[in-house]
N, C-alpha and C. Protein backbone atom coordinates (compact mmCIF):
# COMPACT_ATOMS: atom_id res chain seq x y z
N MET A 1 144.70 -36.49 43.92
CA MET A 1 143.40 -35.71 43.36
C MET A 1 142.64 -34.70 44.24
N LYS A 2 142.62 -35.21 45.56
CA LYS A 2 142.08 -34.56 46.42
C LYS A 2 143.06 -33.32 46.83
N ASN A 3 144.31 -33.43 47.09
CA ASN A 3 145.42 -32.30 46.98
C ASN A 3 145.11 -31.28 46.02
N ILE A 4 145.13 -31.69 44.75
CA ILE A 4 144.84 -30.66 43.81
C ILE A 4 143.36 -29.69 44.04
N LEU A 5 142.29 -30.10 44.48
CA LEU A 5 141.41 -29.56 44.69
C LEU A 5 141.56 -28.68 45.95
N ARG A 6 142.09 -28.98 46.91
CA ARG A 6 142.05 -28.23 47.91
C ARG A 6 143.12 -27.11 47.96
N CYS A 7 143.97 -27.02 46.79
CA CYS A 7 144.85 -25.85 46.74
C CYS A 7 143.98 -25.16 45.67
N GLN A 8 143.39 -25.11 44.87
CA GLN A 8 142.51 -24.12 44.20
C GLN A 8 141.74 -23.34 45.04
N LYS A 9 142.30 -21.86 44.60
CA LYS A 9 141.58 -20.81 45.15
C LYS A 9 141.01 -19.93 44.13
N GLY A 10 139.61 -19.12 44.62
CA GLY A 10 139.13 -18.29 43.75
C GLY A 10 137.71 -18.60 44.05
N PHE A 11 136.96 -18.13 43.16
CA PHE A 11 135.36 -18.09 43.16
C PHE A 11 135.07 -18.84 42.01
N SER A 12 133.84 -19.46 42.20
CA SER A 12 133.12 -20.09 41.02
C SER A 12 132.48 -19.41 40.52
N LEU A 13 131.89 -19.57 39.29
CA LEU A 13 131.22 -18.92 38.22
C LEU A 13 129.72 -18.61 38.92
N ILE A 14 129.46 -19.53 39.67
CA ILE A 14 127.92 -19.65 40.24
C ILE A 14 128.07 -18.53 41.07
N GLU A 15 129.05 -18.37 41.96
CA GLU A 15 129.27 -17.46 43.02
C GLU A 15 129.33 -16.06 42.40
N ILE A 16 130.07 -15.70 41.33
CA ILE A 16 130.14 -14.81 40.79
C ILE A 16 128.79 -14.11 40.23
N ILE A 17 128.00 -14.96 39.73
CA ILE A 17 126.70 -14.70 39.23
C ILE A 17 125.95 -14.28 39.93
N SER A 18 125.74 -15.03 41.03
CA SER A 18 124.86 -14.66 42.11
C SER A 18 125.22 -13.02 42.85
N VAL A 19 126.36 -13.15 43.12
CA VAL A 19 126.90 -11.72 43.53
C VAL A 19 126.60 -10.63 42.78
N LEU A 20 126.90 -10.66 41.66
CA LEU A 20 126.30 -9.93 40.11
C LEU A 20 124.73 -9.62 40.43
N MET A 21 123.85 -10.51 40.52
CA MET A 21 122.80 -10.58 40.65
C MET A 21 122.27 -9.92 41.82
N ILE A 22 122.52 -9.83 43.01
CA ILE A 22 122.51 -9.11 44.03
C ILE A 22 122.56 -7.63 43.66
N LEU A 23 123.76 -7.54 43.20
CA LEU A 23 124.45 -6.13 42.98
C LEU A 23 123.45 -5.29 42.06
N GLY A 24 122.71 -5.79 41.11
CA GLY A 24 121.85 -5.58 40.02
C GLY A 24 120.39 -5.23 40.79
N ILE A 25 120.24 -5.86 41.79
CA ILE A 25 118.76 -5.78 42.43
C ILE A 25 118.98 -4.42 43.53
N LEU A 26 120.01 -4.65 43.93
CA LEU A 26 120.39 -3.41 44.94
C LEU A 26 120.34 -2.27 44.03
N ALA A 27 120.98 -1.98 43.07
CA ALA A 27 121.34 -0.97 42.07
C ALA A 27 119.71 -0.81 41.49
N SER A 28 118.93 -1.33 41.16
CA SER A 28 117.71 -1.04 40.55
C SER A 28 116.62 -0.48 41.47
N VAL A 29 117.13 -0.88 42.77
CA VAL A 29 116.07 -0.27 44.03
C VAL A 29 116.81 1.42 44.38
N ALA A 30 118.30 1.22 44.44
CA ALA A 30 118.84 2.60 45.07
C ALA A 30 118.70 3.93 44.04
N ILE A 31 119.02 3.37 42.62
CA ILE A 31 119.08 4.43 41.64
C ILE A 31 117.45 5.37 41.77
N PRO A 32 116.52 4.65 41.51
CA PRO A 32 115.40 5.60 41.76
C PRO A 32 115.08 6.39 42.81
N LYS A 33 115.49 5.84 44.17
CA LYS A 33 115.76 6.47 45.10
C LYS A 33 116.58 8.13 45.19
N TYR A 34 117.57 7.54 44.80
CA TYR A 34 118.66 8.48 44.56
C TYR A 34 118.06 9.89 43.85
N MET A 35 117.30 9.55 42.66
CA MET A 35 117.10 10.54 42.01
C MET A 35 115.55 11.37 42.61
N ASP A 36 114.84 10.58 43.26
CA ASP A 36 113.95 11.45 43.92
C ASP A 36 114.55 12.30 45.13
N HIS A 37 115.57 11.92 45.80
CA HIS A 37 116.16 12.87 46.84
C HIS A 37 116.82 13.85 46.03
N GLN A 38 117.07 13.80 44.76
CA GLN A 38 117.81 15.12 44.15
C GLN A 38 116.86 15.70 43.87
N LYS A 39 115.82 15.55 43.30
CA LYS A 39 114.74 16.21 42.71
C LYS A 39 114.32 16.79 44.06
N GLU A 40 114.06 16.55 45.26
CA GLU A 40 113.64 17.02 46.52
C GLU A 40 114.73 17.74 46.88
N ALA A 41 115.92 17.63 46.74
CA ALA A 41 117.07 18.61 47.32
C ALA A 41 116.87 19.88 46.08
N GLN A 42 116.59 19.90 44.81
CA GLN A 42 116.52 20.79 44.16
C GLN A 42 115.16 21.48 44.46
N SER A 43 114.04 20.92 44.52
CA SER A 43 112.89 21.78 45.10
C SER A 43 113.17 22.62 46.55
N LYS A 44 113.73 22.03 47.42
CA LYS A 44 114.22 22.49 48.60
C LYS A 44 114.74 24.07 48.41
N ALA A 45 115.74 23.75 47.50
CA ALA A 45 117.11 24.80 47.09
C ALA A 45 116.01 25.93 46.57
N VAL A 46 115.17 25.54 45.43
CA VAL A 46 114.13 26.66 44.91
C VAL A 46 113.36 27.45 46.23
N GLN A 47 112.80 26.50 47.07
CA GLN A 47 112.12 26.99 47.89
C GLN A 47 112.89 27.98 48.93
N ALA A 48 113.79 27.84 49.21
CA ALA A 48 114.94 28.62 49.88
C ALA A 48 115.01 29.85 49.42
N ALA A 49 115.47 29.74 48.18
CA ALA A 49 115.76 30.89 47.66
C ALA A 49 114.31 31.91 47.21
N THR A 50 113.27 31.32 47.39
CA THR A 50 112.13 32.14 47.21
C THR A 50 111.87 32.59 48.65
N ALA A 51 112.27 31.99 49.91
CA ALA A 51 112.19 32.54 51.14
C ALA A 51 113.17 33.52 51.42
N ALA A 52 114.38 33.28 50.83
CA ALA A 52 115.23 34.09 50.86
C ALA A 52 115.04 35.60 50.33
N GLY A 53 114.61 35.72 49.04
CA GLY A 53 113.85 36.81 48.28
C GLY A 53 112.71 37.65 49.23
N ILE A 54 111.90 36.76 49.74
CA ILE A 54 110.78 37.40 50.76
C ILE A 54 111.32 38.06 51.94
N ALA A 55 112.53 37.63 52.67
CA ALA A 55 113.07 37.90 53.63
C ALA A 55 113.90 39.25 53.20
N ASN A 56 114.51 39.36 51.94
CA ASN A 56 114.98 40.31 51.51
C ASN A 56 114.24 41.67 51.31
N LEU A 57 113.20 41.16 50.93
CA LEU A 57 112.06 42.20 50.58
C LEU A 57 111.45 42.70 51.90
N ASN A 58 111.28 41.78 52.85
CA ASN A 58 110.70 42.39 54.15
C ASN A 58 111.38 43.16 54.95
N ILE A 59 112.87 42.85 54.81
CA ILE A 59 113.86 43.82 55.19
C ILE A 59 114.04 45.26 54.98
N ALA A 60 113.82 45.21 53.09
CA ALA A 60 114.05 46.43 52.76
C ALA A 60 112.72 47.41 52.77
N VAL A 61 111.64 46.74 53.17
CA VAL A 61 110.27 47.50 53.33
C VAL A 61 110.68 48.08 54.76
N ALA A 62 111.07 47.09 55.71
CA ALA A 62 111.00 47.62 57.12
C ALA A 62 112.18 48.99 57.33
N ASN A 63 113.27 48.66 56.33
CA ASN A 63 114.32 49.85 56.75
C ASN A 63 113.57 51.15 56.13
N CYS A 64 112.67 50.86 54.99
CA CYS A 64 112.06 52.22 54.26
C CYS A 64 111.12 52.53 55.44
N LEU A 65 110.37 51.93 56.03
CA LEU A 65 109.28 52.35 56.78
C LEU A 65 109.60 52.74 58.25
N ALA A 66 111.01 52.37 58.56
CA ALA A 66 111.79 53.16 59.64
C ALA A 66 111.86 54.43 59.61
N ILE A 67 112.22 54.59 58.42
CA ILE A 67 112.79 56.28 58.22
C ILE A 67 111.54 57.30 58.16
N GLY A 68 110.40 56.47 58.18
CA GLY A 68 109.19 57.47 58.07
C GLY A 68 108.53 57.50 56.61
N ALA A 69 109.28 56.89 55.45
CA ALA A 69 108.90 56.82 54.23
C ALA A 69 107.36 56.17 53.99
N GLU A 70 106.74 56.48 53.06
CA GLU A 70 105.43 55.79 52.71
C GLU A 70 105.74 55.09 51.33
N ILE A 71 105.44 53.85 51.29
CA ILE A 71 105.96 53.16 50.05
C ILE A 71 104.91 53.30 49.20
N SER A 72 105.06 53.49 48.00
CA SER A 72 104.08 53.45 46.84
C SER A 72 104.46 52.68 45.71
N GLY A 73 105.74 51.99 45.77
CA GLY A 73 105.77 50.76 44.94
C GLY A 73 107.30 50.22 44.96
N ILE A 74 107.10 48.95 44.55
CA ILE A 74 108.55 48.19 44.33
C ILE A 74 108.63 47.67 42.97
N ALA A 75 109.57 47.80 42.60
CA ALA A 75 109.88 47.42 40.97
C ALA A 75 110.70 46.05 40.98
N SER A 76 110.59 45.41 39.76
CA SER A 76 110.87 44.00 39.42
C SER A 76 112.37 43.77 40.35
N ASN A 77 113.37 44.89 40.24
CA ASN A 77 114.67 44.62 40.66
C ASN A 77 114.69 45.00 41.95
N GLY A 78 113.75 45.25 42.75
CA GLY A 78 114.09 45.43 43.99
C GLY A 78 114.06 46.73 44.85
N THR A 79 114.15 47.68 43.57
CA THR A 79 113.81 49.19 44.01
C THR A 79 112.52 49.38 44.72
N ILE A 80 112.63 50.26 45.82
CA ILE A 80 111.49 50.51 46.37
C ILE A 80 111.13 52.23 46.08
N THR A 81 110.08 52.82 45.81
CA THR A 81 109.51 53.92 45.32
C THR A 81 109.04 54.54 46.82
N ALA A 82 109.46 55.31 47.26
CA ALA A 82 109.20 56.08 48.78
C ALA A 82 108.62 57.65 48.30
N SER A 83 107.53 57.78 48.86
CA SER A 83 106.43 59.28 48.49
C SER A 83 106.91 60.00 49.72
N GLY A 84 106.54 61.36 49.82
CA GLY A 84 106.63 61.76 50.80
C GLY A 84 108.08 62.77 50.94
N GLY A 85 108.97 62.86 49.87
CA GLY A 85 110.33 63.56 49.74
C GLY A 85 111.18 62.55 50.56
N TYR A 86 111.18 61.69 51.07
CA TYR A 86 112.22 60.64 51.72
C TYR A 86 113.43 60.46 50.78
N ARG A 87 114.61 60.36 51.01
CA ARG A 87 115.70 59.85 50.08
C ARG A 87 115.11 58.48 50.03
N PRO A 88 115.80 57.92 48.60
CA PRO A 88 115.44 56.82 48.35
C PRO A 88 116.20 55.40 49.10
N CYS A 89 114.98 54.92 49.17
CA CYS A 89 115.21 53.55 50.12
C CYS A 89 116.25 52.36 49.73
N LYS A 90 117.05 51.65 50.35
CA LYS A 90 117.69 50.83 50.13
C LYS A 90 116.93 49.60 49.14
N PRO A 91 117.57 49.18 48.01
CA PRO A 91 116.29 48.03 47.34
C PRO A 91 116.66 46.65 48.33
N ALA A 92 115.75 46.12 48.09
CA ALA A 92 115.91 44.82 48.40
C ALA A 92 116.80 43.85 47.39
N SER A 93 117.63 42.93 47.64
CA SER A 93 118.52 42.03 47.01
C SER A 93 117.73 41.21 46.16
N THR A 94 118.25 41.31 44.85
CA THR A 94 117.67 40.02 43.77
C THR A 94 118.62 39.03 43.63
N ASN A 95 120.01 39.20 43.92
CA ASN A 95 120.89 38.25 43.94
C ASN A 95 120.89 37.41 44.90
N LEU A 96 120.70 36.16 45.08
CA LEU A 96 120.94 35.43 46.15
C LEU A 96 121.52 34.16 45.83
N SER A 97 123.08 34.41 46.24
CA SER A 97 124.01 33.17 45.64
C SER A 97 123.64 32.59 44.38
N ASP A 98 123.22 31.20 44.31
CA ASP A 98 123.21 30.53 42.83
C ASP A 98 121.94 31.24 42.38
N PHE A 99 120.83 31.61 42.89
CA PHE A 99 119.43 32.07 42.40
C PHE A 99 119.42 33.47 42.23
N GLN A 100 118.58 34.04 41.41
CA GLN A 100 118.19 35.52 41.36
C GLN A 100 116.50 35.29 40.99
N VAL A 101 116.03 36.32 41.95
CA VAL A 101 114.56 36.45 42.03
C VAL A 101 114.24 37.63 41.66
N THR A 102 112.76 37.82 41.15
CA THR A 102 112.28 39.17 40.63
C THR A 102 110.87 39.42 41.39
N PHE A 103 110.31 40.66 41.41
CA PHE A 103 109.48 41.06 42.30
C PHE A 103 108.33 41.48 41.25
N SER A 104 106.96 41.09 41.63
CA SER A 104 106.15 41.57 40.65
C SER A 104 104.71 42.13 41.45
N GLY A 105 103.78 42.89 40.95
CA GLY A 105 102.64 42.83 41.68
C GLY A 105 102.69 44.47 42.04
N GLN A 106 101.41 44.53 42.62
CA GLN A 106 101.14 46.07 43.43
C GLN A 106 100.84 46.17 44.76
N LEU A 107 101.35 47.01 45.33
CA LEU A 107 101.46 46.80 46.92
C LEU A 107 99.79 46.71 46.94
N PRO A 108 99.22 45.99 48.09
CA PRO A 108 99.93 45.54 49.23
C PRO A 108 100.43 44.00 48.99
N THR A 109 99.82 43.52 47.74
CA THR A 109 100.77 42.21 47.51
C THR A 109 101.70 41.92 46.22
N ILE A 110 102.77 41.61 46.63
CA ILE A 110 104.10 41.58 45.93
C ILE A 110 104.48 40.05 45.58
N THR A 111 104.70 39.70 44.50
CA THR A 111 104.89 38.27 44.40
C THR A 111 106.64 38.03 44.02
N VAL A 112 106.93 37.35 44.40
CA VAL A 112 108.64 36.94 44.61
C VAL A 112 108.47 35.58 43.71
N THR A 113 109.44 35.71 42.63
CA THR A 113 109.53 34.59 41.58
C THR A 113 111.10 34.13 41.28
N VAL A 114 111.60 33.21 41.38
CA VAL A 114 112.82 32.46 41.04
C VAL A 114 112.95 32.69 39.75
N ILE A 115 113.97 33.44 38.98
CA ILE A 115 113.81 33.59 37.72
C ILE A 115 115.03 32.89 37.11
N SER A 116 116.21 32.24 37.91
CA SER A 116 117.51 31.88 37.45
C SER A 116 118.02 31.42 38.61
N GLY A 117 119.14 29.98 38.03
CA GLY A 117 119.63 29.64 39.05
C GLY A 117 120.78 28.71 38.53
N PRO A 118 121.25 27.63 39.25
CA PRO A 118 122.15 26.88 38.68
C PRO A 118 121.87 26.31 37.49
N LYS A 119 122.47 25.47 36.60
CA LYS A 119 122.63 24.85 35.40
C LYS A 119 121.38 23.76 35.31
N TRP A 120 121.00 23.44 36.79
CA TRP A 120 119.80 22.09 36.60
C TRP A 120 118.38 22.95 36.77
N PHE A 121 118.44 24.46 37.14
CA PHE A 121 117.22 24.75 37.22
C PHE A 121 116.60 25.29 35.87
N ASP A 122 115.22 25.15 35.73
CA ASP A 122 114.53 25.12 34.61
C ASP A 122 113.33 26.35 34.83
N PRO A 123 113.39 27.41 34.46
CA PRO A 123 112.27 28.39 34.83
C PRO A 123 110.88 27.87 34.51
N ALA A 124 110.99 27.04 33.40
CA ALA A 124 109.54 26.77 32.97
C ALA A 124 108.86 25.91 33.95
N THR A 125 109.57 24.70 34.57
CA THR A 125 108.82 24.42 35.21
C THR A 125 109.12 24.01 36.80
N MET A 126 110.31 25.14 37.35
CA MET A 126 110.42 25.53 38.77
C MET A 126 109.97 26.63 39.15
N SER A 127 109.98 27.88 38.26
CA SER A 127 109.54 28.86 38.66
C SER A 127 107.76 29.23 38.80
N ASN A 128 107.19 28.05 39.88
CA ASN A 128 105.70 28.41 39.93
C ASN A 128 105.64 28.27 41.20
N GLU A 129 104.21 28.03 41.65
CA GLU A 129 103.99 27.99 43.20
C GLU A 129 104.11 26.53 43.31
N ALA A 130 103.71 25.58 42.53
CA ALA A 130 103.56 24.27 42.89
C ALA A 130 105.21 23.57 43.40
N PHE A 131 106.04 24.21 42.51
CA PHE A 131 107.50 23.84 42.82
C PHE A 131 108.03 24.53 44.14
N GLY A 132 107.54 25.51 44.32
CA GLY A 132 108.11 26.61 45.35
C GLY A 132 109.09 27.51 44.83
N GLY A 133 108.73 27.92 43.61
CA GLY A 133 109.75 28.88 42.95
C GLY A 133 108.95 30.28 42.88
N GLN A 134 107.83 30.25 43.26
CA GLN A 134 107.06 31.53 43.19
C GLN A 134 106.18 31.73 44.52
N LYS A 135 106.08 32.65 45.29
CA LYS A 135 105.08 33.26 46.35
C LYS A 135 105.10 34.62 46.55
N SER A 136 103.77 34.39 46.99
CA SER A 136 103.26 35.91 47.19
C SER A 136 103.36 36.73 48.80
N VAL A 137 103.68 37.55 49.03
CA VAL A 137 103.79 38.17 50.23
C VAL A 137 102.78 39.57 50.18
N THR A 138 102.00 39.53 51.33
CA THR A 138 100.97 40.81 51.42
C THR A 138 101.52 41.74 52.69
N PHE A 139 101.56 42.76 52.26
CA PHE A 139 101.94 43.91 53.44
C PHE A 139 100.79 44.54 54.00
N GLN A 140 100.57 44.92 55.16
CA GLN A 140 99.57 45.47 55.83
C GLN A 140 99.86 46.73 56.62
């Protein structure tokens, strides 16, 4: 009888159940943390797109000012209106890889807003200042 018990190999039902319980506890802790990291990464991506929109606007304005033009307005598509008979300034890019931005407001304060992005992007909840999808920049 002792020889028969020694030859048996495998796991008992108690061992399998205890392993499954441990895996369940680990999953219940890990899944919410993963979801939080995913939301944080999405927020950072939107903030980065907003910052890139501001950088593109700053570069376009600087290029326009470098030729001596006086800026009278900035359209939502990034077109800069220059007065004083200067050639049209190069517009600020609104297409930023996965995202698209728009510009609004009157000089000296222009607001940059992320209006579209990847399929997880929701403009209703992410195109605001709290989420990082909208930011104002003031030119002096």
